[in-house]
Protein backbone atom coordinates (compact mmCIF):
# COMPACT_ATOMS: atom_id res chain seq x y z
CA UNK A 1 170.20 72.60 127.83
CA UNK A 2 168.35 75.83 127.18
CA UNK A 3 164.58 75.37 127.52
CA UNK A 4 162.01 77.90 126.27
CA UNK A 5 158.54 78.40 127.68
CA UNK A 6 156.28 80.20 125.23
CA UNK A 7 153.45 82.55 126.20
CA UNK A 8 150.98 84.89 124.57
CA UNK A 9 151.32 88.53 125.56
CA UNK A 10 147.61 89.16 124.93
CA UNK A 11 146.25 86.01 126.57
CA UNK A 12 148.67 85.21 129.39
CA UNK A 13 149.88 88.52 130.83
CA UNK A 14 147.84 91.02 132.88
CA UNK A 15 146.33 93.60 130.56
CA UNK A 16 148.23 92.08 127.62
CA UNK A 17 151.34 94.07 128.60
CA UNK A 18 154.90 92.97 129.34
CA UNK A 19 157.91 94.85 130.67
CA UNK A 20 160.83 92.50 129.95
CA UNK A 21 163.21 94.14 132.41
CA UNK A 22 160.63 93.93 135.22
CA UNK A 23 159.83 90.32 134.35
CA UNK A 24 163.51 89.38 134.43
CA UNK A 25 163.89 90.94 137.86
CA UNK A 26 160.72 89.24 139.14
CA UNK A 27 162.00 85.83 138.05
CA UNK A 28 165.47 86.46 139.50
CA UNK A 29 163.93 87.51 142.84
CA UNK A 30 161.66 84.45 142.97
CA UNK A 31 162.32 80.94 144.32
CA UNK A 32 162.83 79.57 140.82
CA UNK A 33 166.25 77.93 141.14
CA UNK A 34 166.99 77.32 137.44
CA UNK A 35 168.99 80.19 135.96
CA UNK A 36 167.20 82.48 133.53
CA UNK A 37 168.91 82.78 130.14
CA UNK A 38 166.88 85.50 128.42
CA UNK A 39 163.35 86.70 127.70
CA UNK A 40 162.69 87.27 124.00
CA UNK A 41 159.67 89.05 122.53
CA UNK A 42 158.84 87.91 118.99
CA UNK A 43 161.83 85.52 118.75
CA UNK A 44 161.28 84.59 115.11
CA UNK A 45 160.40 88.08 113.92
CA UNK A 46 156.94 87.09 112.71
CA UNK A 47 154.69 87.03 115.82
CA UNK A 48 154.59 90.17 117.99
CA UNK A 49 152.33 88.41 120.51
CA UNK A 50 154.80 85.62 121.30
CA UNK A 51 157.09 85.76 124.33
CA UNK A 52 159.71 83.09 125.05
CA UNK A 53 161.06 82.82 128.60
CA UNK A 54 164.26 80.81 128.20
CA UNK A 55 166.00 79.10 131.10
CA UNK A 56 169.40 77.39 131.09
CA UNK A 57 167.69 74.07 131.81
CA UNK A 58 164.18 72.66 132.05
CA UNK A 59 162.23 73.84 135.09
CA UNK A 60 161.34 71.38 137.80
CA UNK A 61 157.61 70.88 138.39
CA UNK A 62 157.55 73.18 141.45
CA UNK A 63 159.45 75.91 139.59
CA UNK A 64 157.14 75.66 136.60
CA UNK A 65 154.22 76.11 138.98
CA UNK A 66 155.86 79.20 140.44
CA UNK A 67 156.25 80.65 136.95
CA UNK A 68 152.72 80.16 135.57
CA UNK A 69 150.75 78.01 138.05
CA UNK A 70 150.50 75.41 135.26
CA UNK A 71 147.63 77.28 133.62
CA UNK A 72 147.33 79.45 130.51
CA UNK A 73 145.00 82.03 128.94
CA UNK A 74 145.66 83.65 131.34
CA UNK A 75 148.73 82.22 133.04
CA UNK A 76 149.00 82.21 136.80
CA UNK A 77 151.97 82.40 139.15
CA UNK A 78 154.62 85.05 138.58
CA UNK A 79 153.15 85.89 135.19
CA UNK A 80 149.77 86.72 136.72
CA UNK A 81 151.52 88.98 139.25
CA UNK A 82 153.76 90.64 136.65
CA UNK A 83 154.18 94.41 136.91
CA UNK A 84 154.37 95.84 133.39
CA UNK A 85 154.71 99.48 134.49
CA UNK A 86 158.14 100.92 133.51
CA UNK A 87 160.43 101.73 136.40
CA UNK A 88 161.13 105.45 136.86
CA UNK A 89 163.05 107.43 139.43
CA UNK A 90 161.28 109.50 142.07
CA UNK A 91 161.88 112.81 140.25
CA UNK A 92 160.73 111.93 136.75
CA UNK A 93 157.75 110.46 134.99
CA UNK A 94 158.10 109.05 131.46
CA UNK A 95 155.66 110.76 129.10
CA UNK A 96 156.62 109.27 125.74
CA UNK A 97 159.14 107.02 123.99
CA UNK A 98 161.50 109.84 122.99
CA UNK A 99 163.07 110.10 126.46
CA UNK A 100 161.04 113.22 127.25
CA UNK A 101 160.39 113.51 130.97
CA UNK A 102 158.09 115.58 133.14
CA UNK A 103 159.51 116.57 136.49
CA UNK A 104 157.85 117.54 139.73
CA UNK A 105 157.74 121.18 138.60
CA UNK A 106 155.82 120.17 135.45
CA UNK A 107 158.71 121.32 133.26
CA UNK A 108 159.45 119.22 130.19
CA UNK A 109 163.00 118.37 129.24
CA UNK A 110 164.84 115.82 127.13
CA UNK A 111 167.16 113.38 128.87
CA UNK A 112 169.65 111.64 126.52
CA UNK A 113 169.66 108.22 128.17
CA UNK A 114 172.62 106.09 126.98
CA UNK A 115 170.55 102.94 126.71
CA UNK A 116 167.12 101.45 127.35
CA UNK A 117 166.22 99.75 130.61
CA UNK A 118 167.53 96.19 130.61
CA UNK A 119 170.14 96.77 127.89
CA UNK A 120 173.85 96.86 128.61
CA UNK A 121 176.74 98.12 126.53
CA UNK A 122 178.62 95.60 124.40
CA UNK A 123 181.43 96.95 122.21
CA UNK A 124 182.73 94.64 119.50
CA UNK A 125 185.90 94.62 117.38
CA UNK A 126 185.63 92.80 114.05
CA UNK A 127 188.62 92.37 111.75
CA UNK A 128 187.83 92.35 108.03
CA UNK A 129 190.20 91.06 105.31
CA UNK A 130 189.45 92.35 101.83
CA UNK A 131 189.44 90.15 98.76
CA UNK A 132 189.28 86.79 100.56
CA UNK A 133 186.55 84.35 99.55
CA UNK A 134 185.07 82.38 102.44
CA UNK A 135 184.92 78.61 102.21
CA UNK A 136 181.99 77.44 104.31
CA UNK A 137 182.04 80.73 106.21
CA UNK A 138 185.11 79.57 108.13
CA UNK A 139 186.27 83.06 109.10
CA UNK A 140 189.19 83.46 106.67
CA UNK A 141 187.88 86.86 105.55
CA UNK A 142 187.14 88.12 109.07
CA UNK A 143 187.70 87.54 112.79
CA UNK A 144 184.85 88.04 115.25
CA UNK A 145 185.83 86.45 118.57
CA UNK A 146 184.79 86.31 122.22
CA UNK A 147 186.20 84.41 125.19
CA UNK A 148 184.57 81.23 126.47
CA UNK A 149 184.68 81.79 130.22
CA UNK A 150 184.48 78.04 130.88
CA UNK A 151 187.57 77.13 128.82
CA UNK A 152 189.49 80.44 128.53
CA UNK A 153 189.51 79.89 124.77
CA UNK A 154 188.58 82.36 122.04
CA UNK A 155 185.48 81.28 120.14
CA UNK A 156 183.39 82.90 117.37
CA UNK A 157 180.37 85.08 118.05
CA UNK A 158 178.87 83.68 114.82
CA UNK A 159 177.22 87.04 114.17
CA UNK A 160 179.24 87.99 111.08
CA UNK A 161 178.86 86.32 107.70
CA UNK A 162 180.52 87.11 104.40
CA UNK A 163 178.08 87.97 101.64
CA UNK A 164 180.78 87.64 99.00
CA UNK A 165 183.53 89.26 96.94
CA UNK A 166 182.25 91.06 93.85
CA UNK A 167 183.63 92.22 90.50
CA UNK A 168 183.39 95.76 89.14
CA UNK A 169 180.19 94.86 87.25
CA UNK A 170 178.50 93.70 90.49
CA UNK A 171 178.68 89.97 89.79
CA UNK A 172 179.92 87.55 92.43
CA UNK A 173 183.44 86.12 92.14
CA UNK A 174 183.32 82.36 91.56
CA UNK A 175 186.32 81.43 93.70
CA UNK A 176 189.52 82.79 95.24
CA UNK A 177 191.38 82.84 91.93
CA UNK A 178 188.60 84.91 90.40
CA UNK A 179 188.56 87.25 93.40
CA UNK A 180 192.34 87.75 93.28
CA UNK A 181 192.13 88.79 89.64
CA UNK A 182 188.81 90.65 89.58
CA UNK A 183 187.41 91.15 93.09
CA UNK A 184 187.00 94.86 93.95
CA UNK A 185 184.26 94.83 96.60
CA UNK A 186 184.07 92.67 99.76
CA UNK A 187 180.75 92.51 101.61
CA UNK A 188 179.74 91.22 105.06
CA UNK A 189 176.70 91.24 107.36
CA UNK A 190 176.68 91.86 111.11
CA UNK A 191 173.43 90.43 112.51
CA UNK A 192 173.32 89.82 116.30
CA UNK A 193 171.55 86.83 117.81
CA UNK A 194 170.94 85.45 121.28
CA UNK A 195 174.14 83.31 121.40
CA UNK A 196 172.15 80.11 121.91
CA UNK A 197 172.11 77.18 119.51
CA UNK A 198 168.86 78.50 118.04
CA UNK A 199 170.60 81.79 117.08
CA UNK A 200 167.37 83.80 117.32
CA UNK A 201 167.88 87.34 116.06
CA UNK A 202 167.55 89.93 118.83
CA UNK A 203 166.51 93.56 119.10
CA UNK A 204 169.40 95.78 120.18
CA UNK A 205 170.51 99.40 120.28
CA UNK A 206 173.37 100.68 118.15
CA UNK A 207 175.22 103.87 118.96
CA UNK A 208 177.60 103.78 116.01
CA UNK A 209 181.07 102.54 115.26
CA UNK A 210 184.68 103.19 114.34
CA UNK A 211 186.90 101.88 111.55
CA UNK A 212 190.66 101.56 112.08
CA UNK A 213 191.93 101.93 108.52
CA UNK A 214 194.70 99.54 107.53
CA UNK A 215 197.75 100.11 105.31
CA UNK A 216 196.22 100.72 101.89
CA UNK A 217 197.74 99.11 98.81
CA UNK A 218 197.51 99.56 95.05
CA UNK A 219 195.55 102.59 93.87
CA UNK A 220 194.66 104.16 97.22
CA UNK A 221 191.82 106.17 95.69
CA UNK A 222 189.92 102.90 95.18
CA UNK A 223 189.64 102.11 98.90
CA UNK A 224 186.17 103.06 100.19
CA UNK A 225 183.96 101.98 103.10
CA UNK A 226 180.17 101.92 103.35
CA UNK A 227 177.72 100.50 105.87
CA UNK A 228 173.92 100.54 105.97
CA UNK A 229 171.49 99.57 108.74
CA UNK A 230 168.42 97.57 107.71
CA UNK A 231 169.45 97.63 104.03
CA UNK A 232 166.44 95.62 102.82
CA UNK A 233 163.69 97.46 104.71
CA UNK A 234 162.19 100.18 102.44
CA UNK A 235 162.02 103.59 104.03
CA UNK A 236 164.02 102.52 107.08
CA UNK A 237 167.55 101.71 105.90
CA UNK A 238 170.11 104.18 107.27
CA UNK A 239 173.51 104.88 105.72
CA UNK A 240 175.94 104.94 108.64
CA UNK A 241 179.31 105.25 106.87
CA UNK A 242 180.16 106.63 103.42
CA UNK A 243 183.91 107.08 103.46
CA UNK A 244 186.93 107.49 101.20
CA UNK A 245 189.79 105.82 103.07
CA UNK A 246 192.89 107.29 101.40
CA UNK A 247 192.78 110.43 103.56
CA UNK A 248 192.60 108.34 106.75
CA UNK A 249 195.17 105.61 106.11
CA UNK A 250 196.41 104.30 109.46
CA UNK A 251 193.84 106.45 111.30
CA UNK A 252 190.44 105.82 112.83
CA UNK A 253 187.19 107.17 111.40
CA UNK A 254 183.95 107.12 113.37
CA UNK A 255 180.21 107.68 113.18
CA UNK A 256 178.70 107.82 116.67
CA UNK A 257 175.26 109.05 117.71
CA UNK A 258 174.71 110.88 120.98
CA UNK A 259 171.77 108.55 121.65
CA UNK A 260 171.68 104.89 120.65
CA UNK A 261 169.17 103.84 117.97
CA UNK A 262 166.72 101.08 118.89
CA UNK A 263 166.51 98.30 116.30
CA UNK A 264 163.13 96.72 117.02
CA UNK A 265 162.65 93.36 115.26
CA UNK A 266 158.99 93.01 116.21
CA UNK A 267 157.98 93.47 112.56
CA UNK A 268 160.97 91.87 110.82
CA UNK A 269 164.40 90.66 111.92
CA UNK A 270 165.83 92.51 108.90
CA UNK A 271 165.65 95.71 110.96
CA UNK A 272 168.68 94.51 112.95
CA UNK A 273 170.97 93.73 110.01
CA UNK A 274 174.08 95.88 109.43
CA UNK A 275 175.71 95.41 106.02
CA UNK A 276 179.34 96.43 105.40
CA UNK A 277 181.00 97.11 102.03
CA UNK A 278 184.76 97.57 101.51
CA UNK A 279 185.85 98.62 98.02
CA UNK A 280 189.50 97.97 97.09
CA UNK A 281 191.80 97.36 94.12
CA UNK A 282 191.71 93.83 92.65
CA UNK A 283 194.07 91.53 94.52
CA UNK A 284 194.07 93.66 97.69
CA UNK A 285 194.05 91.84 101.04
CA UNK A 286 194.11 94.90 103.32
CA UNK A 287 192.87 94.37 106.90
CA UNK A 288 190.64 96.87 108.71
CA UNK A 289 189.26 96.70 112.25
CA UNK A 290 185.64 97.75 112.69
CA UNK A 291 184.43 98.58 116.21
CA UNK A 292 180.67 98.59 116.71
CA UNK A 293 179.02 100.08 119.83
CA UNK A 294 175.83 98.27 120.87
CA UNK A 295 173.51 97.89 123.84
CA UNK A 296 172.01 94.41 124.20
CA UNK A 297 169.62 92.63 126.58
CA UNK A 298 171.29 90.64 129.35
CA UNK A 299 171.74 87.00 128.43
CA UNK A 300 172.29 87.69 124.74
CA UNK A 301 176.05 88.30 124.85
């Protein structure tokens, strides 16, 4: 069973600094035999000093000693020896967080890195069904699946939830009968977590996405698609899609950045929420496939 060991960045780590990618590599290269699941900074979104090192099982006494020498404030062991300096190649030195580099000739240039160190690309397809009211969030209005490598079965990611089906006046439909008669807007959230039972929200990078538009029904002018990143964070929320779908029926529309955007949840986990709206005629059950391009820390997908 996953077991978390919690530390203070300020009190336990050298200089109060942590480089998660370096720390992962240091643990993997050590004699700790229990597999590392993930390292999460600020797992609950309310404590930027907290760091959870999560293993796939509880550490034995010798392995725990290797990790922190069984002491705290500061910790010993691997944590005391941690190298928090970012890794760079021999030709470049990082000079800020905007991927600006200074080379050996002291010339500045911008390098559009595809992802941050320690993050790996994870593309997701999510199928949305308009006008369907969820019962207990059982996935009738969407499919969001992955493969369980232990059983070869498809299982849910559990990262999509339906917000609801709404009427033209913005009120929530009471049930499926109400939605069939009056529902004109279906809303979902995509909010990634660490795929453990705790479902801790994670920071991740998003590069954009694509929508494969289904066969539109009814008044085709009423089919529209919107999505907004961090919708509840004032001054931060970003409108990713704002699309009339009639011109793209059966086609794919996309909004993709050249460089992925980092969604840092150190202040609030709401920074990593993506909300999706699909407007449609009442009674419509059109299906669309939304593909989202993300970069996530190892162990979280």
